[in-house]
């Protein structure tokens, strides 16, 4: 399947952006067994306590899709290629590592859309 065949509206992508933008990459949770504070990646479903080894569930199943599920899906797709470093390097070259391009794209000007600009983004 050609990715261009998948149609996502600007508004849908903007909703994903608004959900992702404030989401921290890492957070902490307290182990219910030993009370140790553990850091975890916010897209993880489970975290293992660094002190006692207990598995702690971070997100529910069946509660409906969450923005973390979108991120996990895209990461799974990237990893499946076996060329994730190459893909991420190409992405960094195009978009950098910050939110600047996305902030500009989803700024207050509803008509501004970088994909239609002359630089090809």
PDB file of N, CA and C in Angstrom:
ATOM      1  N   UNK A   1       0.837  -1.181   0.000  1.00  0.00           N
ATOM      2  CA  UNK A   1       0.000   0.000   0.000  1.00  0.00           C
ATOM      3  C   UNK A   1       0.881   1.243   0.000  1.00  0.00           C
ATOM      4  N   UNK A   2       0.533   2.165  -0.812  1.00  0.00           N
ATOM      5  CA  UNK A   2       1.209   3.452  -0.899  1.00  0.00           C
ATOM      6  C   UNK A   2       0.702   4.333   0.243  1.00  0.00           C
ATOM      7  N   UNK A   3       1.631   4.906   1.027  1.00  0.00           N
ATOM      8  CA  UNK A   3       1.221   5.745   2.148  1.00  0.00           C
ATOM      9  C   UNK A   3       0.377   6.935   1.720  1.00  0.00           C
ATOM     10  N   UNK A   4       0.555   7.409   0.488  1.00  0.00           N
ATOM     11  CA  UNK A   4      -0.247   8.539   0.030  1.00  0.00           C
ATOM     12  C   UNK A   4      -1.719   8.159  -0.122  1.00  0.00           C
ATOM     13  N   UNK A   5      -2.019   6.865  -0.136  1.00  0.00           N
ATOM     14  CA  UNK A   5      -3.402   6.421  -0.235  1.00  0.00           C
ATOM     15  C   UNK A   5      -4.146   6.593   1.092  1.00  0.00           C
ATOM     16  N   UNK A   6      -3.405   6.761   2.180  1.00  0.00           N
ATOM     17  CA  UNK A   6      -4.022   6.966   3.488  1.00  0.00           C
ATOM     18  C   UNK A   6      -4.289   8.454   3.653  1.00  0.00           C
ATOM     19  N   UNK A   7      -5.539   8.808   3.730  1.00  0.00           N
ATOM     20  CA  UNK A   7      -5.923  10.214   3.832  1.00  0.00           C
ATOM     21  C   UNK A   7      -6.174  10.586   5.293  1.00  0.00           C
ATOM     22  N   UNK A   8      -5.440  11.576   5.784  1.00  0.00           N
ATOM     23  CA  UNK A   8      -5.635  12.106   7.127  1.00  0.00           C
ATOM     24  C   UNK A   8      -5.879  13.597   6.968  1.00  0.00           C
ATOM     25  N   UNK A   9      -6.973  14.062   7.511  1.00  0.00           N
ATOM     26  CA  UNK A   9      -7.304  15.478   7.368  1.00  0.00           C
ATOM     27  C   UNK A   9      -6.339  16.337   8.185  1.00  0.00           C
ATOM     28  N   UNK A  10      -6.221  17.579   7.772  1.00  0.00           N
ATOM     29  CA  UNK A  10      -5.397  18.539   8.508  1.00  0.00           C
ATOM     30  C   UNK A  10      -5.898  18.663   9.945  1.00  0.00           C
ATOM     31  N   UNK A  11      -7.215  18.661  10.123  1.00  0.00           N
ATOM     32  CA  UNK A  11      -7.789  18.779  11.469  1.00  0.00           C
ATOM     33  C   UNK A  11      -7.445  17.576  12.330  1.00  0.00           C
ATOM     34  N   UNK A  12      -7.477  16.370  11.764  1.00  0.00           N
ATOM     35  CA  UNK A  12      -7.120  15.174  12.522  1.00  0.00           C
ATOM     36  C   UNK A  12      -5.657  15.226  12.939  1.00  0.00           C
ATOM     37  N   UNK A  13      -4.787  15.595  12.004  1.00  0.00           N
ATOM     38  CA  UNK A  13      -3.370  15.707  12.327  1.00  0.00           C
ATOM     39  C   UNK A  13      -3.139  16.791  13.373  1.00  0.00           C
ATOM     40  N   UNK A  14      -3.892  17.865  13.286  1.00  0.00           N
ATOM     41  CA  UNK A  14      -3.779  18.940  14.273  1.00  0.00           C
ATOM     42  C   UNK A  14      -4.196  18.446  15.654  1.00  0.00           C
ATOM     43  N   UNK A  15      -5.215  17.606  15.728  1.00  0.00           N
ATOM     44  CA  UNK A  15      -5.634  17.021  17.014  1.00  0.00           C
ATOM     45  C   UNK A  15      -4.534  16.145  17.593  1.00  0.00           C
ATOM     46  N   UNK A  16      -3.872  15.361  16.753  1.00  0.00           N
ATOM     47  CA  UNK A  16      -2.763  14.517  17.220  1.00  0.00           C
ATOM     48  C   UNK A  16      -1.632  15.408  17.732  1.00  0.00           C
ATOM     49  N   UNK A  17      -1.306  16.451  16.975  1.00  0.00           N
ATOM     50  CA  UNK A  17      -0.281  17.411  17.394  1.00  0.00           C
ATOM     51  C   UNK A  17      -0.616  18.002  18.756  1.00  0.00           C
ATOM     52  N   UNK A  18      -1.855  18.456  18.923  1.00  0.00           N
ATOM     53  CA  UNK A  18      -2.265  19.070  20.194  1.00  0.00           C
ATOM     54  C   UNK A  18      -2.182  18.085  21.362  1.00  0.00           C
ATOM     55  N   UNK A  19      -2.403  16.813  21.098  1.00  0.00           N
ATOM     56  CA  UNK A  19      -2.296  15.809  22.157  1.00  0.00           C
ATOM     57  C   UNK A  19      -0.839  15.475  22.457  1.00  0.00           C
ATOM     58  N   UNK A  20      -0.003  15.441  21.408  1.00  0.00           N
ATOM     59  CA  UNK A  20       1.409  15.078  21.585  1.00  0.00           C
ATOM     60  C   UNK A  20       2.260  16.213  22.147  1.00  0.00           C
ATOM     61  N   UNK A  21       1.995  17.436  21.705  1.00  0.00           N
ATOM     62  CA  UNK A  21       2.860  18.575  22.036  1.00  0.00           C
ATOM     63  C   UNK A  21       3.141  18.686  23.533  1.00  0.00           C
ATOM     64  N   UNK A  22       2.138  18.611  24.410  1.00  0.00           N
ATOM     65  CA  UNK A  22       2.416  18.740  25.843  1.00  0.00           C
ATOM     66  C   UNK A  22       2.852  17.434  26.515  1.00  0.00           C
ATOM     67  N   UNK A  23       2.783  16.316  25.792  1.00  0.00           N
ATOM     68  CA  UNK A  23       3.090  15.017  26.389  1.00  0.00           C
ATOM     69  C   UNK A  23       4.588  14.885  26.646  1.00  0.00           C
ATOM     70  N   UNK A  24       4.996  14.674  27.894  1.00  0.00           N
ATOM     71  CA  UNK A  24       6.428  14.486  28.160  1.00  0.00           C
ATOM     72  C   UNK A  24       6.890  13.124  27.619  1.00  0.00           C
ATOM     73  N   UNK A  25       8.152  13.031  27.242  1.00  0.00           N
ATOM     74  CA  UNK A  25       8.672  11.749  26.771  1.00  0.00           C
ATOM     75  C   UNK A  25       8.835  10.760  27.921  1.00  0.00           C
ATOM     76  N   UNK A  26       9.106  11.292  29.101  1.00  0.00           N
ATOM     77  CA  UNK A  26       9.294  10.445  30.279  1.00  0.00           C
ATOM     78  C   UNK A  26       8.471  10.981  31.436  1.00  0.00           C
ATOM     79  N   UNK A  27       8.084  10.080  32.327  1.00  0.00           N
ATOM     80  CA  UNK A  27       7.321  10.435  33.514  1.00  0.00           C
ATOM     81  C   UNK A  27       7.790   9.510  34.639  1.00  0.00           C
ATOM     82  N   UNK A  28       7.209   9.658  35.808  1.00  0.00           N
ATOM     83  CA  UNK A  28       7.573   8.779  36.927  1.00  0.00           C
ATOM     84  C   UNK A  28       6.318   8.151  37.513  1.00  0.00           C
ATOM     85  N   UNK A  29       6.516   7.004  38.122  1.00  0.00           N
ATOM     86  CA  UNK A  29       5.436   6.341  38.851  1.00  0.00           C
ATOM     87  C   UNK A  29       6.037   5.698  40.096  1.00  0.00           C
ATOM     88  N   UNK A  30       5.204   5.531  41.093  1.00  0.00           N
ATOM     89  CA  UNK A  30       5.640   4.902  42.341  1.00  0.00           C
ATOM     90  C   UNK A  30       5.216   3.441  42.320  1.00  0.00           C
ATOM     91  N   UNK A  31       6.140   2.565  42.617  1.00  0.00           N
ATOM     92  CA  UNK A  31       5.854   1.131  42.659  1.00  0.00           C
ATOM     93  C   UNK A  31       4.895   0.849  43.818  1.00  0.00           C
ATOM     94  N   UNK A  32       3.790   0.159  43.545  1.00  0.00           N
ATOM     95  CA  UNK A  32       2.841  -0.141  44.620  1.00  0.00           C
ATOM     96  C   UNK A  32       3.391  -1.152  45.640  1.00  0.00           C
ATOM     97  N   UNK A  33       4.426  -1.885  45.251  1.00  0.00           N
ATOM     98  CA  UNK A  33       5.013  -2.902  46.124  1.00  0.00           C
ATOM     99  C   UNK A  33       6.012  -2.296  47.116  1.00  0.00           C
ATOM    100  N   UNK A  34       7.001  -1.563  46.598  1.00  0.00           N
ATOM    101  CA  UNK A  34       8.093  -1.073  47.456  1.00  0.00           C
ATOM    102  C   UNK A  34       8.143   0.450  47.567  1.00  0.00           C
ATOM    103  N   UNK A  35       7.256   1.149  46.858  1.00  0.00           N
ATOM    104  CA  UNK A  35       7.153   2.611  46.870  1.00  0.00           C
ATOM    105  C   UNK A  35       8.326   3.333  46.198  1.00  0.00           C
ATOM    106  N   UNK A  36       9.159   2.580  45.486  1.00  0.00           N
ATOM    107  CA  UNK A  36      10.277   3.196  44.768  1.00  0.00           C
ATOM    108  C   UNK A  36       9.740   4.023  43.600  1.00  0.00           C
ATOM    109  N   UNK A  37      10.301   5.211  43.404  1.00  0.00           N
ATOM    110  CA  UNK A  37       9.909   6.078  42.288  1.00  0.00           C
ATOM    111  C   UNK A  37      10.697   5.655  41.045  1.00  0.00           C
ATOM    112  N   UNK A  38       9.989   5.319  39.975  1.00  0.00           N
ATOM    113  CA  UNK A  38      10.602   4.834  38.747  1.00  0.00           C
ATOM    114  C   UNK A  38      10.295   5.767  37.588  1.00  0.00           C
ATOM    115  N   UNK A  39      11.275   5.968  36.716  1.00  0.00           N
ATOM    116  CA  UNK A  39      11.053   6.733  35.504  1.00  0.00           C
ATOM    117  C   UNK A  39      10.640   5.772  34.397  1.00  0.00           C
ATOM    118  N   UNK A  40       9.711   6.208  33.551  1.00  0.00           N
ATOM    119  CA  UNK A  40       9.281   5.370  32.437  1.00  0.00           C
ATOM    120  C   UNK A  40       9.009   6.243  31.219  1.00  0.00           C
ATOM    121  N   UNK A  41       9.068   5.628  30.057  1.00  0.00           N
ATOM    122  CA  UNK A  41       8.711   6.300  28.809  1.00  0.00           C
ATOM    123  C   UNK A  41       7.191   6.363  28.743  1.00  0.00           C
ATOM    124  N   UNK A  42       6.641   7.518  28.424  1.00  0.00           N
ATOM    125  CA  UNK A  42       5.188   7.693  28.479  1.00  0.00           C
ATOM    126  C   UNK A  42       4.423   6.830  27.480  1.00  0.00           C
ATOM    127  N   UNK A  43       5.092   6.249  26.496  1.00  0.00           N
ATOM    128  CA  UNK A  43       4.358   5.365  25.579  1.00  0.00           C
ATOM    129  C   UNK A  43       4.394   3.914  26.039  1.00  0.00           C
ATOM    130  N   UNK A  44       5.130   3.624  27.107  1.00  0.00           N
ATOM    131  CA  UNK A  44       5.172   2.259  27.633  1.00  0.00           C
ATOM    132  C   UNK A  44       3.848   1.887  28.276  1.00  0.00           C
ATOM    133  N   UNK A  45       3.456   0.637  28.123  1.00  0.00           N
ATOM    134  CA  UNK A  45       2.258   0.129  28.781  1.00  0.00           C
ATOM    135  C   UNK A  45       2.605  -0.404  30.160  1.00  0.00           C
ATOM    136  N   UNK A  46       3.801  -0.988  30.280  1.00  0.00           N
ATOM    137  CA  UNK A  46       4.284  -1.523  31.552  1.00  0.00           C
ATOM    138  C   UNK A  46       5.649  -0.938  31.870  1.00  0.00           C
ATOM    139  N   UNK A  47       5.948  -0.853  33.147  1.00  0.00           N
ATOM    140  CA  UNK A  47       7.265  -0.455  33.612  1.00  0.00           C
ATOM    141  C   UNK A  47       7.688  -1.463  34.670  1.00  0.00           C
ATOM    142  N   UNK A  48       8.955  -1.791  34.681  1.00  0.00           N
ATOM    143  CA  UNK A  48       9.463  -2.708  35.698  1.00  0.00           C
ATOM    144  C   UNK A  48      10.179  -1.885  36.756  1.00  0.00           C
ATOM    145  N   UNK A  49       9.823  -2.098  38.016  1.00  0.00           N
ATOM    146  CA  UNK A  49      10.448  -1.371  39.112  1.00  0.00           C
ATOM    147  C   UNK A  49      11.936  -1.701  39.168  1.00  0.00           C
ATOM    148  N   UNK A  50      12.756  -0.656  39.197  1.00  0.00           N
ATOM    149  CA  UNK A  50      14.213  -0.832  39.244  1.00  0.00           C
ATOM    150  C   UNK A  50      14.675  -1.415  40.575  1.00  0.00           C
ATOM    151  N   UNK A  51      13.868  -1.283  41.615  1.00  0.00           N
ATOM    152  CA  UNK A  51      14.267  -1.759  42.941  1.00  0.00           C
ATOM    153  C   UNK A  51      13.812  -3.199  43.210  1.00  0.00           C
ATOM    154  N   UNK A  52      12.517  -3.476  43.020  1.00  0.00           N
ATOM    155  CA  UNK A  52      12.000  -4.811  43.378  1.00  0.00           C
ATOM    156  C   UNK A  52      11.651  -5.679  42.169  1.00  0.00           C
ATOM    157  N   UNK A  53      11.621  -5.093  40.966  1.00  0.00           N
ATOM    158  CA  UNK A  53      11.357  -5.867  39.759  1.00  0.00           C
ATOM    159  C   UNK A  53       9.890  -6.070  39.430  1.00  0.00           C
ATOM    160  N   UNK A  54       8.997  -5.544  40.248  1.00  0.00           N
ATOM    161  CA  UNK A  54       7.565  -5.718  39.970  1.00  0.00           C
ATOM    162  C   UNK A  54       7.173  -4.982  38.689  1.00  0.00           C
ATOM    163  N   UNK A  55       6.325  -5.607  37.908  1.00  0.00           N
ATOM    164  CA  UNK A  55       5.797  -4.989  36.697  1.00  0.00           C
ATOM    165  C   UNK A  55       4.603  -4.121  37.079  1.00  0.00           C
ATOM    166  N   UNK A  56       4.640  -2.862  36.634  1.00  0.00           N
ATOM    167  CA  UNK A  56       3.584  -1.907  36.957  1.00  0.00           C
ATOM    168  C   UNK A  56       2.885  -1.515  35.657  1.00  0.00           C
ATOM    169  N   UNK A  57       1.567  -1.681  35.617  1.00  0.00           N
ATOM    170  CA  UNK A  57       0.780  -1.319  34.441  1.00  0.00           C
ATOM    171  C   UNK A  57       0.563   0.192  34.434  1.00  0.00           C
ATOM    172  N   UNK A  58       0.895   0.830  33.316  1.00  0.00           N
ATOM    173  CA  UNK A  58       0.828   2.284  33.217  1.00  0.00           C
ATOM    174  C   UNK A  58      -0.390   2.778  32.450  1.00  0.00           C
ATOM    175  N   UNK A  59      -0.852   1.996  31.488  1.00  0.00           N
ATOM    176  CA  UNK A  59      -1.996   2.371  30.660  1.00  0.00           C
ATOM    177  C   UNK A  59      -2.963   1.201  30.609  1.00  0.00           C
ATOM    178  N   UNK A  60      -4.222   1.504  30.420  1.00  0.00           N
ATOM    179  CA  UNK A  60      -5.218   0.440  30.363  1.00  0.00           C
ATOM    180  C   UNK A  60      -5.367  -0.093  28.949  1.00  0.00           C
ATOM    181  N   UNK A  61      -5.826  -1.322  28.855  1.00  0.00           N
ATOM    182  CA  UNK A  61      -6.193  -1.915  27.567  1.00  0.00           C
ATOM    183  C   UNK A  61      -7.703  -1.798  27.428  1.00  0.00           C
ATOM    184  N   UNK A  62      -8.180  -1.613  26.229  1.00  0.00           N
ATOM    185  CA  UNK A  62      -9.608  -1.615  25.991  1.00  0.00           C
ATOM    186  C   UNK A  62     -10.314  -0.330  26.386  1.00  0.00           C
ATOM    187  N   UNK A  63      -9.580   0.635  26.875  1.00  0.00           N
ATOM    188  CA  UNK A  63     -10.192   1.899  27.254  1.00  0.00           C
ATOM    189  C   UNK A  63     -10.315   2.844  26.074  1.00  0.00           C
ATOM    190  N   UNK A  64      -9.988   2.376  24.900  1.00  0.00           N
ATOM    191  CA  UNK A  64     -10.013   3.218  23.711  1.00  0.00           C
ATOM    192  C   UNK A  64      -8.605   3.666  23.366  1.00  0.00           C
ATOM    193  N   UNK A  65      -8.381   4.000  22.123  1.00  0.00           N
ATOM    194  CA  UNK A  65      -7.053   4.420  21.688  1.00  0.00           C
ATOM    195  C   UNK A  65      -6.612   5.710  22.378  1.00  0.00           C
ATOM    196  N   UNK A  66      -5.331   5.783  22.668  1.00  0.00           N
ATOM    197  CA  UNK A  66      -4.732   6.977  23.258  1.00  0.00           C
ATOM    198  C   UNK A  66      -3.656   7.467  22.306  1.00  0.00           C
ATOM    199  N   UNK A  67      -3.227   8.701  22.468  1.00  0.00           N
ATOM    200  CA  UNK A  67      -2.209   9.264  21.583  1.00  0.00           C
ATOM    201  C   UNK A  67      -0.914   8.437  21.662  1.00  0.00           C
ATOM    202  N   UNK A  68      -0.647   7.837  22.814  1.00  0.00           N
ATOM    203  CA  UNK A  68       0.535   6.980  22.948  1.00  0.00           C
ATOM    204  C   UNK A  68       0.464   5.794  21.987  1.00  0.00           C
ATOM    205  N   UNK A  69      -0.747   5.335  21.682  1.00  0.00           N
ATOM    206  CA  UNK A  69      -0.917   4.228  20.744  1.00  0.00           C
ATOM    207  C   UNK A  69      -0.495   4.632  19.336  1.00  0.00           C
ATOM    208  N   UNK A  70      -0.760   5.873  18.951  1.00  0.00           N
ATOM    209  CA  UNK A  70      -0.348   6.376  17.636  1.00  0.00           C
ATOM    210  C   UNK A  70       1.176   6.390  17.554  1.00  0.00           C
ATOM    211  N   UNK A  71       1.817   6.899  18.609  1.00  0.00           N
ATOM    212  CA  UNK A  71       3.284   6.945  18.645  1.00  0.00           C
ATOM    213  C   UNK A  71       3.853   5.535  18.571  1.00  0.00           C
ATOM    214  N   UNK A  72       3.313   4.610  19.359  1.00  0.00           N
ATOM    215  CA  UNK A  72       3.791   3.221  19.339  1.00  0.00           C
ATOM    216  C   UNK A  72       3.627   2.578  17.971  1.00  0.00           C
ATOM    217  N   UNK A  73       2.518   2.846  17.331  1.00  0.00           N
ATOM    218  CA  UNK A  73       2.261   2.301  16.000  1.00  0.00           C
ATOM    219  C   UNK A  73       3.300   2.789  15.002  1.00  0.00           C
ATOM    220  N   UNK A  74       3.599   4.083  15.025  1.00  0.00           N
ATOM    221  CA  UNK A  74       4.591   4.640  14.102  1.00  0.00           C
ATOM    222  C   UNK A  74       5.987   4.085  14.418  1.00  0.00           C
ATOM    223  N   UNK A  75       6.340   3.997  15.690  1.00  0.00           N
ATOM    224  CA  UNK A  75       7.645   3.435  16.066  1.00  0.00           C
ATOM    225  C   UNK A  75       7.751   1.981  15.618  1.00  0.00           C
ATOM    226  N   UNK A  76       6.683   1.214  15.781  1.00  0.00           N
ATOM    227  CA  UNK A  76       6.686  -0.182  15.330  1.00  0.00           C
ATOM    228  C   UNK A  76       6.929  -0.252  13.826  1.00  0.00           C
ATOM    229  N   UNK A  77       6.275   0.618  13.074  1.00  0.00           N
ATOM    230  CA  UNK A  77       6.456   0.663  11.624  1.00  0.00           C
ATOM    231  C   UNK A  77       7.912   0.998  11.278  1.00  0.00           C
ATOM    232  N   UNK A  78       8.493   1.970  11.972  1.00  0.00           N
ATOM    233  CA  UNK A  78       9.891   2.348  11.722  1.00  0.00           C
ATOM    234  C   UNK A  78      10.828   1.193  12.063  1.00  0.00           C
ATOM    235  N   UNK A  79      10.636   0.575  13.206  1.00  0.00           N
ATOM    236  CA  UNK A  79      11.501  -0.526  13.645  1.00  0.00           C
ATOM    237  C   UNK A  79      11.402  -1.736  12.716  1.00  0.00           C
ATOM    238  N   UNK A  80      10.210  -1.986  12.164  1.00  0.00           N
ATOM    239  CA  UNK A  80       9.998  -3.141  11.278  1.00  0.00           C
ATOM    240  C   UNK A  80      10.905  -3.082  10.054  1.00  0.00           C
ATOM    241  N   UNK A  81      11.298  -1.872   9.659  1.00  0.00           N
ATOM    242  CA  UNK A  81      12.129  -1.716   8.470  1.00  0.00           C
ATOM    243  C   UNK A  81      13.535  -2.280   8.660  1.00  0.00           C
ATOM    244  N   UNK A  82      13.980  -2.361   9.919  1.00  0.00           N
ATOM    245  CA  UNK A  82      15.358  -2.774  10.173  1.00  0.00           C
ATOM    246  C   UNK A  82      16.348  -1.652   9.867  1.00  0.00           C
ATOM    247  N   UNK A  83      15.826  -0.480   9.508  1.00  0.00           N
ATOM    248  CA  UNK A  83      16.673   0.656   9.140  1.00  0.00           C
ATOM    249  C   UNK A  83      16.245   1.902   9.924  1.00  0.00           C
ATOM    250  N   UNK A  84      15.905   1.694  11.187  1.00  0.00           N
ATOM    251  CA  UNK A  84      15.366   2.792  11.990  1.00  0.00           C
ATOM    252  C   UNK A  84      16.346   3.953  12.130  1.00  0.00           C
ATOM    253  N   UNK A  85      17.629   3.679  12.251  1.00  0.00           N
ATOM    254  CA  UNK A  85      18.613   4.768  12.374  1.00  0.00           C
ATOM    255  C   UNK A  85      18.617   5.629  11.112  1.00  0.00           C
ATOM    256  N   UNK A  86      18.574   4.975   9.965  1.00  0.00           N
ATOM    257  CA  UNK A  86      18.551   5.698   8.686  1.00  0.00           C
ATOM    258  C   UNK A  86      17.288   6.558   8.563  1.00  0.00           C
ATOM    259  N   UNK A  87      16.158   5.994   8.952  1.00  0.00           N
ATOM    260  CA  UNK A  87      14.888   6.722   8.890  1.00  0.00           C
ATOM    261  C   UNK A  87      14.915   7.925   9.830  1.00  0.00           C
ATOM    262  N   UNK A  88      15.390   7.721  11.054  1.00  0.00           N
ATOM    263  CA  UNK A  88      15.419   8.819  12.025  1.00  0.00           C
ATOM    264  C   UNK A  88      16.414   9.898  11.619  1.00  0.00           C
ATOM    265  N   UNK A  89      17.551   9.514  11.049  1.00  0.00           N
ATOM    266  CA  UNK A  89      18.522  10.512  10.569  1.00  0.00           C
ATOM    267  C   UNK A  89      17.923  11.353   9.449  1.00  0.00           C
ATOM    268  N   UNK A  90      17.223  10.714   8.515  1.00  0.00           N
ATOM    269  CA  UNK A  90      16.580  11.445   7.420  1.00  0.00           C
ATOM    270  C   UNK A  90      15.516  12.394   7.976  1.00  0.00           C
ATOM    271  N   UNK A  91      14.782  11.944   8.974  1.00  0.00           N
ATOM    272  CA  UNK A  91      13.759  12.789   9.597  1.00  0.00           C
ATOM    273  C   UNK A  91      14.400  14.002  10.273  1.00  0.00           C
ATOM    274  N   UNK A  92      15.487  13.787  11.001  1.00  0.00           N
ATOM    275  CA  UNK A  92      16.195  14.891  11.665  1.00  0.00           C
ATOM    276  C   UNK A  92      16.711  15.904  10.649  1.00  0.00           C
ATOM    277  N   UNK A  93      17.213  15.412   9.513  1.00  0.00           N
ATOM    278  CA  UNK A  93      17.705  16.323   8.473  1.00  0.00           C
ATOM    279  C   UNK A  93      16.585  17.197   7.923  1.00  0.00           C
ATOM    280  N   UNK A  94      15.385  16.651   7.813  1.00  0.00           N
ATOM    281  CA  UNK A  94      14.252  17.388   7.271  1.00  0.00           C
ATOM    282  C   UNK A  94      13.591  18.282   8.312  1.00  0.00           C
ATOM    283  N   UNK A  95      13.338  17.739   9.498  1.00  0.00           N
ATOM    284  CA  UNK A  95      12.537  18.445  10.495  1.00  0.00           C
ATOM    285  C   UNK A  95      13.313  18.896  11.734  1.00  0.00           C
ATOM    286  N   UNK A  96      14.564  18.513  11.861  1.00  0.00           N
ATOM    287  CA  UNK A  96      15.294  18.847  13.073  1.00  0.00           C
ATOM    288  C   UNK A  96      14.814  17.983  14.225  1.00  0.00           C
ATOM    289  N   UNK A  97      15.064  18.438  15.442  1.00  0.00           N
ATOM    290  CA  UNK A  97      14.668  17.643  16.605  1.00  0.00           C
ATOM    291  C   UNK A  97      13.658  18.369  17.486  1.00  0.00           C
ATOM    292  N   UNK A  98      13.202  19.519  17.041  1.00  0.00           N
ATOM    293  CA  UNK A  98      12.273  20.300  17.853  1.00  0.00           C
ATOM    294  C   UNK A  98      10.894  20.377  17.241  1.00  0.00           C
ATOM    295  N   UNK A  99      10.095  21.239  17.834  1.00  0.00           N
ATOM    296  CA  UNK A  99       8.710  21.410  17.423  1.00  0.00           C
ATOM    297  C   UNK A  99       8.517  22.584  16.469  1.00  0.00           C
ATOM    298  N   UNK A 100       9.591  23.285  16.077  1.00  0.00           N
ATOM    299  CA  UNK A 100       9.464  24.534  15.341  1.00  0.00           C
ATOM    300  C   UNK A 100       8.609  24.415  14.084  1.00  0.00           C
ATOM    301  N   UNK A 101       8.911  23.455  13.219  1.00  0.00           N
ATOM    302  CA  UNK A 101       8.134  23.298  11.975  1.00  0.00           C
ATOM    303  C   UNK A 101       6.675  22.970  12.274  1.00  0.00           C
ATOM    304  N   UNK A 102       6.458  22.101  13.245  1.00  0.00           N
ATOM    305  CA  UNK A 102       5.085  21.700  13.577  1.00  0.00           C
ATOM    306  C   UNK A 102       4.333  22.852  14.221  1.00  0.00           C
ATOM    307  N   UNK A 103       5.018  23.624  15.073  1.00  0.00           N
ATOM    308  CA  UNK A 103       4.370  24.791  15.683  1.00  0.00           C
ATOM    309  C   UNK A 103       3.948  25.787  14.606  1.00  0.00           C
ATOM    310  N   UNK A 104       4.815  25.967  13.620  1.00  0.00           N
ATOM    311  CA  UNK A 104       4.493  26.881  12.520  1.00  0.00           C
ATOM    312  C   UNK A 104       3.312  26.342  11.708  1.00  0.00           C
ATOM    313  N   UNK A 105       3.342  25.047  11.440  1.00  0.00           N
ATOM    314  CA  UNK A 105       2.291  24.423  10.641  1.00  0.00           C
ATOM    315  C   UNK A 105       0.919  24.552  11.304  1.00  0.00           C
ATOM    316  N   UNK A 106       0.891  24.329  12.608  1.00  0.00           N
ATOM    317  CA  UNK A 106      -0.386  24.342  13.326  1.00  0.00           C
ATOM    318  C   UNK A 106      -0.601  25.620  14.110  1.00  0.00           C
ATOM    319  N   UNK A 107       0.074  26.689  13.686  1.00  0.00           N
ATOM    320  CA  UNK A 107      -0.095  27.983  14.341  1.00  0.00           C
ATOM    321  C   UNK A 107      -1.496  28.531  14.126  1.00  0.00           C
ATOM    322  N   UNK A 108      -1.666  29.765  14.499  1.00  0.00           N
ATOM    323  CA  UNK A 108      -2.985  30.403  14.442  1.00  0.00           C
ATOM    324  C   UNK A 108      -3.510  30.593  13.028  1.00  0.00           C
ATOM    325  N   UNK A 109      -2.620  30.681  12.052  1.00  0.00           N
ATOM    326  CA  UNK A 109      -3.042  30.901  10.668  1.00  0.00           C
ATOM    327  C   UNK A 109      -3.546  29.589  10.081  1.00  0.00           C
ATOM    328  N   UNK A 110      -4.851  29.419  10.019  1.00  0.00           N
ATOM    329  CA  UNK A 110      -5.458  28.170   9.552  1.00  0.00           C
ATOM    330  C   UNK A 110      -5.129  27.843   8.099  1.00  0.00           C
ATOM    331  N   UNK A 111      -4.800  28.864   7.292  1.00  0.00           N
ATOM    332  CA  UNK A 111      -4.520  28.625   5.883  1.00  0.00           C
ATOM    333  C   UNK A 111      -3.073  28.239   5.617  1.00  0.00           C
ATOM    334  N   UNK A 112      -2.197  28.432   6.611  1.00  0.00           N
ATOM    335  CA  UNK A 112      -0.784  28.122   6.404  1.00  0.00           C
ATOM    336  C   UNK A 112      -0.566  26.619   6.541  1.00  0.00           C
ATOM    337  N   UNK A 113       0.038  26.034   5.547  1.00  0.00           N
ATOM    338  CA  UNK A 113       0.281  24.591   5.536  1.00  0.00           C
ATOM    339  C   UNK A 113       1.613  24.339   4.858  1.00  0.00           C
ATOM    340  N   UNK A 114       2.688  23.999   5.637  1.00  0.00           N
ATOM    341  CA  UNK A 114       4.028  23.842   5.034  1.00  0.00           C
ATOM    342  C   UNK A 114       4.084  22.861   3.872  1.00  0.00           C
ATOM    343  N   UNK A 115       3.198  21.880   3.843  1.00  0.00           N
ATOM    344  CA  UNK A 115       3.240  20.914   2.742  1.00  0.00           C
ATOM    345  C   UNK A 115       2.948  21.585   1.406  1.00  0.00           C
ATOM    346  N   UNK A 116       2.353  22.760   1.439  1.00  0.00           N
ATOM    347  CA  UNK A 116       2.039  23.459   0.200  1.00  0.00           C
ATOM    348  C   UNK A 116       3.062  24.564  -0.100  1.00  0.00           C
ATOM    349  N   UNK A 117       4.016  24.739   0.762  1.00  0.00           N
ATOM    350  CA  UNK A 117       5.031  25.764   0.558  1.00  0.00           C
ATOM    351  C   UNK A 117       6.022  25.312  -0.506  1.00  0.00           C
ATOM    352  N   UNK A 118       6.810  26.229  -1.035  1.00  0.00           N
ATOM    353  CA  UNK A 118       7.722  25.937  -2.126  1.00  0.00           C
ATOM    354  C   UNK A 118       8.939  25.112  -1.707  1.00  0.00           C
ATOM    355  N   UNK A 119       9.214  25.014  -0.386  1.00  0.00           N
ATOM    356  CA  UNK A 119      10.380  24.232   0.036  1.00  0.00           C
ATOM    357  C   UNK A 119      10.098  22.734   0.062  1.00  0.00           C
ATOM    358  N   UNK A 120       8.884  22.318  -0.268  1.00  0.00           N
ATOM    359  CA  UNK A 120       8.558  20.906  -0.398  1.00  0.00           C
ATOM    360  C   UNK A 120       8.182  20.211   0.882  1.00  0.00           C
ATOM    361  N   UNK A 121       8.096  20.920   1.980  1.00  0.00           N
ATOM    362  CA  UNK A 121       7.710  20.255   3.231  1.00  0.00           C
ATOM    363  C   UNK A 121       6.242  20.088   3.322  1.00  0.00           C
TER     364      UNK A 121
END
